[in-house]
């Protein structure tokens, strides 16, 4: 792989990793807002005997669950990108040596 292609791949991967990190920060902030809204809404609805508080509570829980799942997914993507960066950053000669050792051991 030529050095310019490798450099471009590294830049792209670092850019993706940075964007994912920012997205995860934003997701955590939004998660905090949802928890605050749910808490405030529950406190306001305690005064009334309306079943809308129960529906709203379930809705907040659902949104919070989806936010956490999205955050977990972003975290997994971030880990995968870090692993790819580690592999791409390794010198090509060590990758070729590792591949040839694996291939030769598989032949036996």
N, C-alpha and C. Protein backbone atom coordinates (compact mmCIF):
# COMPACT_ATOMS: atom_id res chain seq x y z
N UNK A 1 0.85 -1.17 0.00
CA UNK A 1 0.00 0.00 0.00
C UNK A 1 0.89 1.23 0.00
N UNK A 2 0.63 2.18 -0.88
CA UNK A 2 1.48 3.36 -0.95
C UNK A 2 1.27 4.23 0.28
N UNK A 3 2.26 5.06 0.53
CA UNK A 3 2.23 5.88 1.74
C UNK A 3 1.10 6.91 1.69
N UNK A 4 0.80 7.46 0.52
CA UNK A 4 -0.27 8.46 0.44
C UNK A 4 -1.63 7.82 0.70
N UNK A 5 -1.83 6.60 0.22
CA UNK A 5 -3.10 5.90 0.49
C UNK A 5 -3.21 5.60 1.98
N UNK A 6 -2.13 5.13 2.56
CA UNK A 6 -2.11 4.83 3.99
C UNK A 6 -2.37 6.10 4.82
N UNK A 7 -1.76 7.20 4.41
CA UNK A 7 -1.97 8.48 5.11
C UNK A 7 -3.42 8.91 5.01
N UNK A 8 -4.01 8.78 3.83
CA UNK A 8 -5.42 9.16 3.65
C UNK A 8 -6.34 8.28 4.48
N UNK A 9 -6.05 6.98 4.53
CA UNK A 9 -6.86 6.08 5.34
C UNK A 9 -6.75 6.45 6.82
N UNK A 10 -5.52 6.72 7.28
CA UNK A 10 -5.33 7.12 8.68
C UNK A 10 -6.10 8.40 9.00
N UNK A 11 -6.01 9.38 8.12
CA UNK A 11 -6.74 10.64 8.36
C UNK A 11 -8.23 10.41 8.43
N UNK A 12 -8.74 9.61 7.50
CA UNK A 12 -10.18 9.33 7.49
C UNK A 12 -10.61 8.60 8.76
N UNK A 13 -9.83 7.62 9.18
CA UNK A 13 -10.18 6.87 10.39
C UNK A 13 -10.11 7.75 11.63
N UNK A 14 -9.08 8.60 11.72
CA UNK A 14 -9.00 9.51 12.86
C UNK A 14 -10.15 10.50 12.86
N UNK A 15 -10.55 10.94 11.69
CA UNK A 15 -11.69 11.86 11.58
C UNK A 15 -12.98 11.18 12.04
N UNK A 16 -13.18 9.95 11.60
CA UNK A 16 -14.36 9.18 12.01
C UNK A 16 -14.35 8.97 13.52
N UNK A 17 -13.19 8.63 14.06
CA UNK A 17 -13.09 8.41 15.51
C UNK A 17 -13.41 9.69 16.28
N UNK A 18 -12.93 10.82 15.78
CA UNK A 18 -13.21 12.11 16.44
C UNK A 18 -14.70 12.43 16.39
N UNK A 19 -15.32 12.20 15.24
CA UNK A 19 -16.76 12.45 15.11
C UNK A 19 -17.56 11.53 16.03
N UNK A 20 -17.18 10.29 16.10
CA UNK A 20 -17.88 9.36 17.00
C UNK A 20 -17.74 9.79 18.45
N UNK A 21 -16.55 10.26 18.82
CA UNK A 21 -16.34 10.74 20.19
C UNK A 21 -17.26 11.92 20.49
N UNK A 22 -17.36 12.85 19.54
CA UNK A 22 -18.26 14.01 19.73
C UNK A 22 -19.72 13.55 19.81
N UNK A 23 -20.09 12.61 18.95
CA UNK A 23 -21.47 12.11 18.98
C UNK A 23 -21.79 11.45 20.31
N UNK A 24 -20.84 10.69 20.84
CA UNK A 24 -21.07 10.04 22.13
C UNK A 24 -21.22 11.07 23.24
N UNK A 25 -20.45 12.15 23.18
CA UNK A 25 -20.59 13.21 24.17
C UNK A 25 -21.98 13.84 24.09
N UNK A 26 -22.43 14.10 22.87
CA UNK A 26 -23.76 14.67 22.68
C UNK A 26 -24.85 13.71 23.15
N UNK A 27 -24.68 12.43 22.86
CA UNK A 27 -25.66 11.44 23.31
C UNK A 27 -25.75 11.40 24.83
N UNK A 28 -24.60 11.49 25.49
CA UNK A 28 -24.60 11.51 26.97
C UNK A 28 -25.32 12.75 27.49
N UNK A 29 -25.11 13.89 26.84
CA UNK A 29 -25.80 15.12 27.26
C UNK A 29 -27.31 14.98 27.09
N UNK A 30 -27.71 14.45 25.93
CA UNK A 30 -29.14 14.28 25.68
C UNK A 30 -29.74 13.29 26.67
N UNK A 31 -28.99 12.25 26.98
CA UNK A 31 -29.44 11.27 27.97
C UNK A 31 -29.71 11.95 29.32
N UNK A 32 -28.81 12.84 29.69
CA UNK A 32 -28.99 13.60 30.94
C UNK A 32 -30.23 14.46 30.90
N UNK A 33 -30.48 15.11 29.74
CA UNK A 33 -31.68 15.94 29.60
C UNK A 33 -32.94 15.10 29.74
N UNK A 34 -32.93 13.92 29.14
CA UNK A 34 -34.11 13.04 29.21
C UNK A 34 -34.38 12.63 30.65
N UNK A 35 -33.33 12.29 31.38
CA UNK A 35 -33.50 11.91 32.80
C UNK A 35 -34.06 13.09 33.58
N UNK A 36 -33.53 14.29 33.33
CA UNK A 36 -34.03 15.49 34.03
C UNK A 36 -35.48 15.78 33.68
N UNK A 37 -35.82 15.66 32.40
CA UNK A 37 -37.21 15.89 31.99
C UNK A 37 -38.15 14.88 32.63
N UNK A 38 -37.74 13.61 32.63
CA UNK A 38 -38.58 12.57 33.22
C UNK A 38 -38.79 12.82 34.71
N UNK A 39 -37.73 13.22 35.40
CA UNK A 39 -37.83 13.49 36.83
C UNK A 39 -38.73 14.69 37.10
N UNK A 40 -38.54 15.75 36.32
CA UNK A 40 -39.36 16.96 36.49
C UNK A 40 -40.82 16.67 36.16
N UNK A 41 -41.05 15.96 35.08
CA UNK A 41 -42.42 15.64 34.67
C UNK A 41 -43.11 14.79 35.74
N UNK A 42 -42.37 13.82 36.28
CA UNK A 42 -42.95 12.96 37.33
C UNK A 42 -43.31 13.79 38.55
N UNK A 43 -42.47 14.76 38.93
CA UNK A 43 -42.75 15.61 40.09
C UNK A 43 -43.97 16.48 39.84
N UNK A 44 -44.11 17.00 38.62
CA UNK A 44 -45.26 17.84 38.29
C UNK A 44 -46.53 17.02 38.27
N UNK A 45 -46.47 15.80 37.74
CA UNK A 45 -47.66 14.96 37.60
C UNK A 45 -48.09 14.31 38.91
N UNK A 46 -47.23 14.31 39.92
CA UNK A 46 -47.64 13.74 41.21
C UNK A 46 -48.81 14.49 41.81
N UNK A 47 -48.94 15.73 41.43
CA UNK A 47 -50.04 16.56 41.97
C UNK A 47 -51.38 16.14 41.38
N UNK A 48 -51.37 15.61 40.17
CA UNK A 48 -52.62 15.20 39.51
C UNK A 48 -52.76 13.69 39.54
N UNK A 49 -53.95 13.23 39.36
CA UNK A 49 -54.22 11.78 39.34
C UNK A 49 -54.51 11.32 37.92
N UNK A 50 -53.75 11.82 37.00
CA UNK A 50 -53.97 11.54 35.58
C UNK A 50 -53.09 10.38 35.13
N UNK A 51 -53.59 9.55 34.22
CA UNK A 51 -52.78 8.43 33.74
C UNK A 51 -51.78 8.89 32.67
N UNK A 52 -51.81 10.16 32.31
CA UNK A 52 -50.86 10.66 31.32
C UNK A 52 -49.43 10.63 31.89
N UNK A 53 -49.31 10.73 33.21
CA UNK A 53 -47.98 10.66 33.83
C UNK A 53 -47.37 9.28 33.60
N UNK A 54 -48.18 8.25 33.69
CA UNK A 54 -47.70 6.89 33.48
C UNK A 54 -47.27 6.69 32.02
N UNK A 55 -48.08 7.18 31.10
CA UNK A 55 -47.72 7.08 29.68
C UNK A 55 -46.45 7.86 29.37
N UNK A 56 -46.34 9.04 29.95
CA UNK A 56 -45.15 9.86 29.72
C UNK A 56 -43.92 9.18 30.31
N UNK A 57 -44.07 8.58 31.47
CA UNK A 57 -42.96 7.89 32.11
C UNK A 57 -42.48 6.73 31.23
N UNK A 58 -43.41 5.98 30.67
CA UNK A 58 -43.04 4.89 29.76
C UNK A 58 -42.36 5.44 28.51
N UNK A 59 -42.85 6.55 28.00
CA UNK A 59 -42.25 7.18 26.83
C UNK A 59 -40.83 7.64 27.10
N UNK A 60 -40.62 8.29 28.25
CA UNK A 60 -39.27 8.72 28.62
C UNK A 60 -38.35 7.52 28.77
N UNK A 61 -38.85 6.46 29.37
CA UNK A 61 -38.03 5.25 29.55
C UNK A 61 -37.65 4.64 28.21
N UNK A 62 -38.59 4.65 27.28
CA UNK A 62 -38.33 4.11 25.95
C UNK A 62 -37.26 4.93 25.22
N UNK A 63 -37.40 6.24 25.26
CA UNK A 63 -36.43 7.12 24.60
C UNK A 63 -35.06 6.96 25.25
N UNK A 64 -35.03 6.88 26.57
CA UNK A 64 -33.77 6.71 27.29
C UNK A 64 -33.10 5.40 26.92
N UNK A 65 -33.88 4.35 26.80
CA UNK A 65 -33.35 3.05 26.40
C UNK A 65 -32.75 3.11 24.99
N UNK A 66 -33.44 3.78 24.09
CA UNK A 66 -32.94 3.91 22.72
C UNK A 66 -31.66 4.75 22.67
N UNK A 67 -31.59 5.79 23.48
CA UNK A 67 -30.39 6.63 23.53
C UNK A 67 -29.21 5.80 24.04
N UNK A 68 -29.45 5.00 25.06
CA UNK A 68 -28.37 4.17 25.61
C UNK A 68 -27.91 3.13 24.59
N UNK A 69 -28.84 2.55 23.86
CA UNK A 69 -28.48 1.56 22.83
C UNK A 69 -27.67 2.23 21.72
N UNK A 70 -28.05 3.43 21.34
CA UNK A 70 -27.31 4.17 20.31
C UNK A 70 -25.91 4.50 20.81
N UNK A 71 -25.80 4.89 22.06
CA UNK A 71 -24.50 5.20 22.65
C UNK A 71 -23.62 3.95 22.70
N UNK A 72 -24.20 2.82 23.07
CA UNK A 72 -23.44 1.56 23.10
C UNK A 72 -22.95 1.20 21.70
N UNK A 73 -23.79 1.39 20.71
CA UNK A 73 -23.41 1.11 19.32
C UNK A 73 -22.26 2.02 18.88
N UNK A 74 -22.36 3.30 19.22
CA UNK A 74 -21.29 4.24 18.87
C UNK A 74 -19.98 3.87 19.57
N UNK A 75 -20.08 3.39 20.81
CA UNK A 75 -18.89 2.97 21.54
C UNK A 75 -18.24 1.76 20.85
N UNK A 76 -19.05 0.81 20.40
CA UNK A 76 -18.52 -0.34 19.69
C UNK A 76 -17.83 0.08 18.40
N UNK A 77 -18.46 1.00 17.67
CA UNK A 77 -17.84 1.50 16.44
C UNK A 77 -16.50 2.18 16.73
N UNK A 78 -16.47 2.94 17.81
CA UNK A 78 -15.24 3.63 18.20
C UNK A 78 -14.13 2.62 18.50
N UNK A 79 -14.47 1.55 19.19
CA UNK A 79 -13.48 0.51 19.49
C UNK A 79 -12.98 -0.16 18.21
N UNK A 80 -13.90 -0.45 17.30
CA UNK A 80 -13.51 -1.09 16.05
C UNK A 80 -12.59 -0.19 15.23
N UNK A 81 -12.87 1.10 15.22
CA UNK A 81 -12.01 2.03 14.48
C UNK A 81 -10.63 2.09 15.12
N UNK A 82 -10.58 2.09 16.45
CA UNK A 82 -9.28 2.09 17.13
C UNK A 82 -8.49 0.83 16.78
N UNK A 83 -9.16 -0.31 16.72
CA UNK A 83 -8.49 -1.56 16.34
C UNK A 83 -7.99 -1.49 14.90
N UNK A 84 -8.80 -0.96 14.01
CA UNK A 84 -8.37 -0.82 12.61
C UNK A 84 -7.18 0.13 12.52
N UNK A 85 -7.23 1.23 13.26
CA UNK A 85 -6.10 2.17 13.25
C UNK A 85 -4.83 1.50 13.74
N UNK A 86 -4.96 0.68 14.76
CA UNK A 86 -3.78 -0.03 15.27
C UNK A 86 -3.20 -0.97 14.21
N UNK A 87 -4.07 -1.63 13.47
CA UNK A 87 -3.61 -2.54 12.42
C UNK A 87 -3.00 -1.78 11.25
N UNK A 88 -3.64 -0.69 10.86
CA UNK A 88 -3.16 0.09 9.72
C UNK A 88 -1.85 0.79 10.05
N UNK A 89 -1.66 1.15 11.30
CA UNK A 89 -0.47 1.89 11.71
C UNK A 89 0.76 0.99 11.82
N UNK A 90 0.54 -0.32 11.91
CA UNK A 90 1.67 -1.24 11.99
C UNK A 90 2.45 -1.21 10.69
N UNK A 91 3.75 -1.34 10.76
CA UNK A 91 4.54 -1.36 9.53
C UNK A 91 4.13 -2.54 8.65
N UNK A 92 4.15 -2.33 7.36
CA UNK A 92 3.73 -3.35 6.40
C UNK A 92 4.60 -4.59 6.52
N UNK A 93 5.89 -4.43 6.79
CA UNK A 93 6.78 -5.59 6.88
C UNK A 93 6.39 -6.52 8.02
N UNK A 94 5.95 -5.96 9.15
CA UNK A 94 5.56 -6.82 10.27
C UNK A 94 4.26 -7.54 9.96
N UNK A 95 3.37 -6.90 9.20
CA UNK A 95 2.13 -7.56 8.81
C UNK A 95 2.43 -8.70 7.85
N UNK A 96 3.33 -8.45 6.88
CA UNK A 96 3.70 -9.50 5.93
C UNK A 96 4.37 -10.66 6.65
N UNK A 97 5.26 -10.38 7.60
CA UNK A 97 5.95 -11.43 8.36
C UNK A 97 4.93 -12.23 9.16
N UNK A 98 4.00 -11.53 9.81
CA UNK A 98 2.97 -12.21 10.59
C UNK A 98 2.12 -13.10 9.70
N UNK A 99 1.76 -12.61 8.51
CA UNK A 99 0.95 -13.38 7.58
C UNK A 99 1.71 -14.62 7.10
N UNK A 100 2.99 -14.44 6.77
CA UNK A 100 3.75 -15.59 6.26
C UNK A 100 3.96 -16.63 7.36
N UNK A 101 4.14 -16.20 8.61
CA UNK A 101 4.28 -17.16 9.71
C UNK A 101 2.99 -17.92 9.93
N UNK A 102 1.85 -17.22 9.85
CA UNK A 102 0.56 -17.86 10.02
C UNK A 102 0.30 -18.85 8.90
N UNK A 103 0.63 -18.45 7.68
CA UNK A 103 0.42 -19.34 6.52
C UNK A 103 1.30 -20.57 6.61
N UNK A 104 2.55 -20.39 7.03
CA UNK A 104 3.46 -21.54 7.10
C UNK A 104 3.07 -22.49 8.23
N UNK A 105 2.57 -21.96 9.35
CA UNK A 105 2.14 -22.84 10.44
C UNK A 105 0.86 -23.57 10.09
N UNK A 106 0.04 -22.97 9.25
CA UNK A 106 -1.21 -23.61 8.83
C UNK A 106 -0.93 -24.76 7.88
N UNK A 107 0.21 -24.69 7.18
CA UNK A 107 0.55 -25.74 6.22
C UNK A 107 0.94 -27.03 6.92
N UNK A 108 1.39 -26.92 8.17
CA UNK A 108 1.81 -28.13 8.91
C UNK A 108 0.64 -28.68 9.60
